[in-house]
Protein backbone atom coordinates (compact mmCIF):
# COMPACT_ATOMS: atom_id res chain seq x y z
CA MET A 1 -4.62 -26.45 -15.58
CA LEU A 2 -6.77 -23.30 -15.40
CA ILE A 3 -10.01 -23.45 -13.41
CA ILE A 4 -12.49 -20.61 -13.98
CA LEU A 5 -15.05 -19.71 -11.34
CA GLY A 6 -17.58 -16.88 -11.27
CA ALA A 7 -19.43 -15.49 -8.26
CA HIS A 8 -22.12 -12.80 -8.08
CA VAL A 9 -22.26 -10.24 -5.28
CA GLN A 10 -24.88 -7.56 -4.74
CA ASN A 11 -22.48 -4.85 -3.64
CA ASN A 12 -20.93 -3.42 -6.81
CA GLU A 13 -18.94 -0.64 -5.14
CA ALA A 14 -15.60 -2.44 -5.15
CA ALA A 15 -12.69 -0.80 -6.94
CA PHE A 16 -11.61 -2.06 -10.35
CA ARG A 17 -8.62 -4.18 -9.38
CA ILE A 18 -6.99 -7.61 -9.49
CA VAL A 19 -5.90 -9.29 -6.27
CA PRO A 20 -3.78 -12.47 -6.33
CA THR A 21 -3.54 -14.73 -3.29
CA ARG A 22 0.23 -15.00 -3.68
CA LEU A 23 2.99 -13.16 -5.53
CA GLN A 24 5.50 -16.01 -5.41
CA LEU A 25 4.93 -19.74 -5.36
CA PHE A 26 6.64 -23.04 -5.95
CA GLU A 27 5.89 -25.09 -9.03
CA GLN A 28 2.63 -27.07 -8.86
CA GLU A 29 1.19 -24.73 -6.22
CA SER A 30 -2.06 -22.91 -6.95
CA VAL A 31 -2.70 -19.18 -7.25
CA SER A 32 -6.05 -17.38 -7.48
CA PHE A 33 -6.92 -14.01 -8.96
CA HIS A 34 -9.88 -11.88 -7.88
CA CYS A 35 -11.20 -9.42 -10.47
CA GLU A 36 -13.27 -6.92 -8.50
CA GLY A 37 -15.59 -4.08 -9.43
CA LEU A 38 -16.10 -4.97 -13.07
CA ASP A 39 -19.28 -4.73 -15.15
CA GLY A 40 -19.96 -6.57 -18.38
CA SER A 41 -17.97 -9.32 -20.01
CA THR A 42 -14.47 -9.46 -18.51
CA GLN A 43 -11.31 -11.40 -19.23
CA LEU A 44 -8.28 -12.26 -17.17
CA ARG A 45 -5.28 -11.39 -19.31
CA GLY A 46 -1.63 -12.16 -18.74
CA ILE A 47 1.78 -12.02 -20.31
CA ARG A 48 3.80 -15.14 -19.53
CA ASP A 49 7.26 -16.33 -20.49
CA ALA A 50 5.62 -18.61 -23.05
CA GLY A 51 3.69 -15.71 -24.60
CA GLU A 52 0.39 -13.92 -24.09
CA PHE A 53 -2.61 -15.84 -22.85
CA ILE A 54 -6.22 -14.70 -22.66
CA SER A 55 -8.83 -16.54 -20.67
CA THR A 56 -12.51 -15.68 -20.33
CA CYS A 57 -13.30 -15.79 -16.62
CA SER A 58 -17.10 -15.80 -16.53
CA GLU A 59 -20.23 -14.04 -17.73
CA ARG A 60 -21.22 -10.60 -16.51
CA THR A 61 -20.45 -10.87 -12.81
CA PRO A 62 -19.18 -7.95 -10.69
CA VAL A 63 -16.58 -10.16 -8.95
CA LEU A 64 -14.55 -12.78 -10.83
CA TYR A 65 -12.37 -15.55 -9.49
CA CYS A 66 -9.76 -17.28 -11.62
CA THR A 67 -7.47 -20.01 -10.30
CA ILE A 68 -4.39 -21.65 -11.78
CA LYS A 69 -4.52 -24.96 -9.97
CA ARG A 70 -0.99 -26.10 -10.79
CA ALA A 71 1.39 -23.36 -11.78
CA TYR A 72 4.71 -23.82 -13.54
CA SER A 73 7.61 -21.47 -14.25
CA GLY A 74 6.06 -20.67 -17.63
CA ASP A 75 3.08 -19.16 -15.80
CA SER A 76 5.28 -16.39 -14.37
CA GLY A 77 4.42 -12.95 -15.69
CA ASP A 78 2.08 -9.97 -15.48
CA TYR A 79 -1.65 -10.51 -14.99
CA TRP A 80 -4.56 -8.07 -15.09
CA CYS A 81 -8.33 -7.93 -15.61
CA GLU A 82 -9.77 -6.27 -18.71
CA ALA A 83 -13.34 -5.41 -19.71
CA ASP A 84 -14.79 -5.42 -23.21
CA GLY A 85 -14.65 -1.62 -23.32
CA GLY A 86 -10.88 -1.64 -22.82
CA GLU A 87 -10.95 -0.59 -19.15
CA ARG A 88 -8.33 -2.52 -17.23
CA SER A 89 -7.10 -2.97 -13.71
CA HIS A 90 -3.53 -2.53 -12.49
CA SER A 91 -1.26 -5.48 -13.22
CA VAL A 92 0.39 -7.86 -10.76
CA THR A 93 3.57 -9.83 -11.32
CA ILE A 94 3.45 -13.50 -10.38
CA SER A 95 6.71 -15.46 -10.02
CA VAL A 96 6.72 -19.27 -10.08
CA ASN A 97 10.09 -20.58 -8.95
CA ALA A 98 11.29 -23.94 -10.20
CA GLY A 99 13.87 -23.81 -7.40
CA SER A 100 13.36 -24.29 -3.68
CA VAL A 101 13.22 -20.72 -2.29
CA ILE A 102 10.46 -18.12 -2.42
CA LEU A 103 9.81 -14.82 -0.64
CA GLU A 104 6.48 -14.27 1.10
CA SER A 105 5.58 -10.57 0.96
CA PRO A 106 2.34 -8.54 1.12
CA VAL A 107 0.10 -8.85 -1.92
CA LEU A 108 -1.59 -5.46 -1.47
CA PRO A 109 0.16 -2.10 -0.90
CA VAL A 110 1.25 -1.56 2.70
CA ARG A 111 -0.05 1.53 4.50
CA GLU A 112 2.71 4.02 5.30
CA GLY A 113 3.68 3.88 8.97
CA SER A 114 2.55 0.28 9.52
CA ALA A 115 4.74 -2.79 10.08
CA VAL A 116 5.44 -5.39 7.40
CA THR A 117 7.05 -8.83 7.68
CA LEU A 118 8.96 -10.57 4.88
CA SER A 119 9.53 -14.33 5.11
CA CYS A 120 11.93 -16.60 3.25
CA ARG A 121 10.57 -20.10 2.59
CA ASN A 122 12.53 -23.21 1.65
CA LYS A 123 10.56 -25.91 -0.14
CA THR A 124 12.86 -28.70 1.02
CA THR A 125 12.66 -28.04 4.75
CA THR A 126 9.87 -27.56 7.28
CA SER A 127 12.15 -26.13 9.97
CA SER A 128 11.08 -22.78 11.41
CA ILE A 129 14.75 -21.82 11.85
CA LEU A 130 16.14 -20.68 8.51
CA SER A 131 19.16 -18.44 8.11
CA ALA A 132 18.47 -16.07 5.22
CA ASP A 133 19.73 -12.87 3.65
CA PHE A 134 17.27 -10.23 2.42
CA TYR A 135 17.90 -7.86 -0.47
CA LYS A 136 16.23 -4.66 -1.68
CA ASP A 137 16.88 -3.54 -5.26
CA GLY A 138 19.83 -5.94 -5.41
CA ARG A 139 21.51 -4.74 -2.20
CA LEU A 140 21.80 -6.72 1.01
CA ILE A 141 19.73 -4.99 3.71
CA ARG A 142 19.56 -7.53 6.53
CA SER A 143 20.41 -11.08 7.58
CA SER A 144 18.12 -13.18 9.75
CA SER A 145 18.58 -16.45 11.65
CA THR A 146 14.80 -17.04 11.66
CA GLY A 147 14.03 -16.50 7.99
CA ASN A 148 11.90 -13.43 8.74
CA ILE A 149 12.49 -9.69 8.92
CA THR A 150 10.08 -6.96 10.00
CA ILE A 151 10.13 -3.35 8.87
CA GLN A 152 8.48 -1.54 11.78
CA ARG A 153 7.42 1.78 10.25
CA VAL A 154 7.19 1.51 6.50
CA SER A 155 7.79 4.64 4.42
CA LYS A 156 7.85 5.34 0.69
CA SER A 157 11.62 4.87 0.75
CA ASP A 158 11.04 1.18 1.61
CA GLU A 159 9.23 0.64 -1.68
CA GLY A 160 11.15 -1.55 -4.10
CA LEU A 161 12.08 -5.03 -5.31
CA TYR A 162 12.81 -7.56 -2.56
CA LYS A 163 14.25 -11.06 -2.62
CA CYS A 164 15.87 -13.48 -0.18
CA SER A 165 18.54 -16.16 -0.37
CA ILE A 166 19.75 -19.07 1.73
CA SER A 167 23.15 -20.70 1.45
CA GLU A 168 21.70 -24.21 1.14
CA GLY A 169 18.99 -23.55 -1.45
CA GLY A 170 19.72 -20.56 -3.65
CA GLU A 171 17.57 -17.44 -3.87
CA SER A 172 13.99 -16.40 -4.48
CA PRO A 173 12.64 -14.32 -7.37
CA GLU A 174 12.11 -10.60 -6.80
CA SER A 175 8.74 -9.13 -5.80
CA TRP A 176 7.67 -5.50 -5.64
CA LEU A 177 6.73 -4.14 -2.21
CA ALA A 178 4.28 -1.27 -2.69
CA VAL A 179 3.73 1.38 -0.01
CA ARG A 180 0.53 3.43 0.12
CA ALA A 181 1.16 7.00 1.29
CA VAL A 182 -1.08 8.50 3.97
CA HIS A 183 -2.57 11.76 2.72
CA ARG A 184 -2.67 14.40 5.42
CA GLU A 185 -5.26 17.01 4.56
CA THR A 186 -5.42 20.37 6.31
CA CYS A 187 -8.56 20.65 8.38
CA PRO A 188 -10.57 23.77 7.34
CA SER A 189 -12.05 24.13 10.83
CA SER A 190 -8.55 24.38 12.30
CA ASP A 191 -7.63 27.18 9.88
CA HIS A 192 -10.84 29.02 10.74
CA SER A 193 -10.19 28.70 14.47
CA LEU A 194 -6.65 30.04 14.03
CA HIS A 195 -7.97 33.01 12.04
CA VAL A 196 -10.56 33.82 14.72
CA LEU A 197 -7.89 33.56 17.43
CA LEU A 198 -5.64 36.02 15.62
CA VAL A 199 -8.52 38.50 15.17
CA LEU A 200 -9.48 38.28 18.84
CA ARG A 201 -5.88 38.82 19.92
CA THR A 202 -5.64 41.91 17.68
CA VAL A 203 -8.90 43.33 19.05
CA PHE A 204 -7.78 42.66 22.62
CA THR A 205 -4.48 44.45 21.99
CA VAL A 206 -6.24 47.49 20.49
CA VAL A 207 -8.71 47.69 23.40
CA MET A 208 -5.93 47.41 25.99
CA VAL A 209 -3.92 50.18 24.28
CA ALA A 210 -7.03 52.41 24.18
CA LEU A 211 -7.75 51.83 27.88
CA LEU A 212 -4.13 52.57 28.74
CA LEU A 213 -4.23 55.85 26.79
CA LEU A 214 -7.53 56.76 28.48
CA LEU A 215 -6.04 56.08 31.90
CA VAL A 216 -2.98 58.18 31.13
CA GLY A 217 -5.25 61.00 29.93
CA LEU A 218 -7.36 60.89 33.10
CA LEU A 219 -4.25 60.98 35.29
CA HIS A 220 -2.89 63.92 33.31
CA CYS A 221 -6.17 65.85 33.70
CA GLY A 222 -6.12 65.20 37.43
CA LYS A 223 -2.64 66.61 37.75
CA LEU A 224 -3.69 69.77 35.89
CA ARG A 225 -6.59 70.41 38.25
CA VAL A 226 -4.38 69.96 41.30
CA THR A 227 -1.86 72.43 39.85
CA GLN A 228 -4.55 75.07 39.13
CA LYS A 229 -5.82 74.93 42.71
């Protein structure tokens, strides 16, 4: 069942993007999509296992909210927002698992250098103690007796497809962990200060050499006068 909601906001400076509330969910759970920064008539579009679906979200609102109230495995797929003019947001991949294990991971890209926690959830148990194995790009990276792992300082090398598995309940689908690089720009004022420092050091060296030569010349003249007397 697809519920369509529209909400108007006065600030229209948001980026053109789609933000889901979850990347993985169990069957019959709900997932919402936020289409932000769009002008004009906009649609939420998706490619699902059952084929393409197109749903009109609302009428001419800068921020759009679309919710699948009860999702099923056939709702898994890529979703994005698209305007009448063809402009579209990035796509997000939603996985609806008919099994009992899902991976909870960040929806938005993680800032490089920050910490990120991945959690393995079992639908059939409410226990906080869950032994789980975590995989990146199909390779086992860590085992946990709590069902959670934390990557302390995320880098671009940590970007990839993650999933988890438990011996009692199978494994989760894969979800992409995106890492946003921190751009380090050279400060122009620092370069200018360094240039000035180098010039001052050169001038100081030249002045000191000139004073030294002058002093040597004065001493030499003094010796000549003493000799003539």
